[in-house]
């Protein structure tokens, strides 16, 4: 394989990776802590919104609210990671064809 062809294939791979990131930025996932707190983020993991059910807001038990928030954030992050893997897998065939 000549160098020029290899460089062209690398450019295509970089473009494909960039397109994946662009698509992920437009997608959303929602994580939850039992429905009491929901966190919405885009496919690259940037948090876009947090909703808290008023019944979990207890000034005397802030720690419980903090724990639920961590659970919801982690759930959203896990879902964003899963979405990233799915979108990347869609492009694997394309990238394997370059080899």
C-alpha atoms as a PDB file:
ATOM      1  CA  UNK A   1       0.000   0.000   0.000  1.00  0.00           C
ATOM      2  CA  UNK A   2       1.433   3.337  -0.942  1.00  0.00           C
ATOM      3  CA  UNK A   3       1.772   6.225   1.468  1.00  0.00           C
ATOM      4  CA  UNK A   4      -0.631   8.490  -0.412  1.00  0.00           C
ATOM      5  CA  UNK A   5      -3.416   5.901  -0.237  1.00  0.00           C
ATOM      6  CA  UNK A   6      -2.713   5.277   3.442  1.00  0.00           C
ATOM      7  CA  UNK A   7      -2.910   9.011   4.213  1.00  0.00           C
ATOM      8  CA  UNK A   8      -6.235   9.252   2.387  1.00  0.00           C
ATOM      9  CA  UNK A   9      -7.594   6.339   4.429  1.00  0.00           C
ATOM     10  CA  UNK A  10      -6.430   7.984   7.660  1.00  0.00           C
ATOM     11  CA  UNK A  11      -8.262  11.161   6.680  1.00  0.00           C
ATOM     12  CA  UNK A  12     -11.433   9.133   6.069  1.00  0.00           C
ATOM     13  CA  UNK A  13     -11.055   7.465   9.472  1.00  0.00           C
ATOM     14  CA  UNK A  14     -10.580  10.840  11.181  1.00  0.00           C
ATOM     15  CA  UNK A  15     -13.614  12.216   9.373  1.00  0.00           C
ATOM     16  CA  UNK A  16     -15.675   9.199  10.457  1.00  0.00           C
ATOM     17  CA  UNK A  17     -14.600   9.709  14.087  1.00  0.00           C
ATOM     18  CA  UNK A  18     -15.523  13.381  13.886  1.00  0.00           C
ATOM     19  CA  UNK A  19     -18.927  12.524  12.434  1.00  0.00           C
ATOM     20  CA  UNK A  20     -19.545  10.080  15.282  1.00  0.00           C
ATOM     21  CA  UNK A  21     -18.804  12.810  17.825  1.00  0.00           C
ATOM     22  CA  UNK A  22     -21.100  15.237  15.998  1.00  0.00           C
ATOM     23  CA  UNK A  23     -23.950  12.694  15.999  1.00  0.00           C
ATOM     24  CA  UNK A  24     -23.406  11.895  19.670  1.00  0.00           C
ATOM     25  CA  UNK A  25     -23.547  15.576  20.585  1.00  0.00           C
ATOM     26  CA  UNK A  26     -27.056  15.727  19.092  1.00  0.00           C
ATOM     27  CA  UNK A  27     -28.341  12.607  20.882  1.00  0.00           C
ATOM     28  CA  UNK A  28     -29.623  12.546  24.442  1.00  0.00           C
ATOM     29  CA  UNK A  29     -29.718   9.971  27.208  1.00  0.00           C
ATOM     30  CA  UNK A  30     -31.505  10.137  30.544  1.00  0.00           C
ATOM     31  CA  UNK A  31     -30.220   8.672  33.768  1.00  0.00           C
ATOM     32  CA  UNK A  32     -32.363   8.231  36.829  1.00  0.00           C
ATOM     33  CA  UNK A  33     -32.251   7.487  40.527  1.00  0.00           C
ATOM     34  CA  UNK A  34     -35.504   5.622  40.926  1.00  0.00           C
ATOM     35  CA  UNK A  35     -37.387   8.374  39.114  1.00  0.00           C
ATOM     36  CA  UNK A  36     -36.714  10.789  41.961  1.00  0.00           C
ATOM     37  CA  UNK A  37     -33.890  12.522  40.133  1.00  0.00           C
ATOM     38  CA  UNK A  38     -33.366  12.459  36.384  1.00  0.00           C
ATOM     39  CA  UNK A  39     -30.290  13.669  34.568  1.00  0.00           C
ATOM     40  CA  UNK A  40     -30.308  14.305  30.834  1.00  0.00           C
ATOM     41  CA  UNK A  41     -27.021  14.503  28.965  1.00  0.00           C
ATOM     42  CA  UNK A  42     -25.963  14.396  25.371  1.00  0.00           C
ATOM     43  CA  UNK A  43     -24.252  11.390  23.838  1.00  0.00           C
ATOM     44  CA  UNK A  44     -20.793  12.654  24.724  1.00  0.00           C
ATOM     45  CA  UNK A  45     -21.749  12.958  28.388  1.00  0.00           C
ATOM     46  CA  UNK A  46     -22.355  16.690  28.773  1.00  0.00           C
ATOM     47  CA  UNK A  47     -25.143  17.198  31.328  1.00  0.00           C
ATOM     48  CA  UNK A  48     -27.991  19.232  29.868  1.00  0.00           C
ATOM     49  CA  UNK A  49     -30.570  19.151  32.644  1.00  0.00           C
ATOM     50  CA  UNK A  50     -31.305  17.810  36.109  1.00  0.00           C
ATOM     51  CA  UNK A  51     -34.835  17.308  37.454  1.00  0.00           C
ATOM     52  CA  UNK A  52     -35.405  16.715  41.166  1.00  0.00           C
ATOM     53  CA  UNK A  53     -38.712  15.501  42.568  1.00  0.00           C
ATOM     54  CA  UNK A  54     -39.617  17.984  45.349  1.00  0.00           C
ATOM     55  CA  UNK A  55     -40.437  15.158  47.766  1.00  0.00           C
ATOM     56  CA  UNK A  56     -36.725  14.254  48.021  1.00  0.00           C
ATOM     57  CA  UNK A  57     -35.729  17.772  49.042  1.00  0.00           C
ATOM     58  CA  UNK A  58     -35.379  17.526  52.806  1.00  0.00           C
ATOM     59  CA  UNK A  59     -33.162  20.201  54.373  1.00  0.00           C
ATOM     60  CA  UNK A  60     -32.449  17.811  57.224  1.00  0.00           C
ATOM     61  CA  UNK A  61     -31.270  15.024  54.907  1.00  0.00           C
ATOM     62  CA  UNK A  62     -29.161  16.688  52.233  1.00  0.00           C
ATOM     63  CA  UNK A  63     -26.903  13.624  52.126  1.00  0.00           C
ATOM     64  CA  UNK A  64     -29.718  11.462  50.710  1.00  0.00           C
ATOM     65  CA  UNK A  65     -30.300  14.017  47.944  1.00  0.00           C
ATOM     66  CA  UNK A  66     -26.584  14.072  47.178  1.00  0.00           C
ATOM     67  CA  UNK A  67     -26.490  10.269  46.996  1.00  0.00           C
ATOM     68  CA  UNK A  68     -29.467  10.175  44.622  1.00  0.00           C
ATOM     69  CA  UNK A  69     -27.867  12.830  42.453  1.00  0.00           C
ATOM     70  CA  UNK A  70     -24.665  10.796  42.174  1.00  0.00           C
ATOM     71  CA  UNK A  71     -26.688   7.706  41.199  1.00  0.00           C
ATOM     72  CA  UNK A  72     -28.593   9.623  38.497  1.00  0.00           C
ATOM     73  CA  UNK A  73     -25.421  11.236  37.132  1.00  0.00           C
ATOM     74  CA  UNK A  74     -23.660   7.866  37.003  1.00  0.00           C
ATOM     75  CA  UNK A  75     -26.636   6.295  35.246  1.00  0.00           C
ATOM     76  CA  UNK A  76     -26.655   9.054  32.610  1.00  0.00           C
ATOM     77  CA  UNK A  77     -22.897   8.708  32.172  1.00  0.00           C
ATOM     78  CA  UNK A  78     -23.184   4.937  31.732  1.00  0.00           C
ATOM     79  CA  UNK A  79     -25.910   5.392  29.123  1.00  0.00           C
ATOM     80  CA  UNK A  80     -23.832   7.992  27.254  1.00  0.00           C
ATOM     81  CA  UNK A  81     -20.877   5.584  27.241  1.00  0.00           C
ATOM     82  CA  UNK A  82     -23.110   2.801  25.925  1.00  0.00           C
ATOM     83  CA  UNK A  83     -24.412   5.098  23.181  1.00  0.00           C
ATOM     84  CA  UNK A  84     -20.838   6.019  22.241  1.00  0.00           C
ATOM     85  CA  UNK A  85     -19.944   2.337  21.926  1.00  0.00           C
ATOM     86  CA  UNK A  86     -22.996   1.652  19.768  1.00  0.00           C
ATOM     87  CA  UNK A  87     -22.251   4.551  17.430  1.00  0.00           C
ATOM     88  CA  UNK A  88     -18.600   3.548  17.203  1.00  0.00           C
ATOM     89  CA  UNK A  89     -19.553  -0.041  16.370  1.00  0.00           C
ATOM     90  CA  UNK A  90     -21.638   1.235  13.462  1.00  0.00           C
ATOM     91  CA  UNK A  91     -18.474   2.712  11.976  1.00  0.00           C
ATOM     92  CA  UNK A  92     -16.187  -0.239  12.714  1.00  0.00           C
ATOM     93  CA  UNK A  93     -17.141  -1.939   9.458  1.00  0.00           C
ATOM     94  CA  UNK A  94     -16.167   1.174   7.561  1.00  0.00           C
ATOM     95  CA  UNK A  95     -12.858   1.434   9.372  1.00  0.00           C
ATOM     96  CA  UNK A  96     -12.095  -2.273   8.886  1.00  0.00           C
ATOM     97  CA  UNK A  97     -12.678  -1.794   5.183  1.00  0.00           C
ATOM     98  CA  UNK A  98      -9.839   0.717   5.182  1.00  0.00           C
ATOM     99  CA  UNK A  99      -7.302  -1.809   6.413  1.00  0.00           C
END
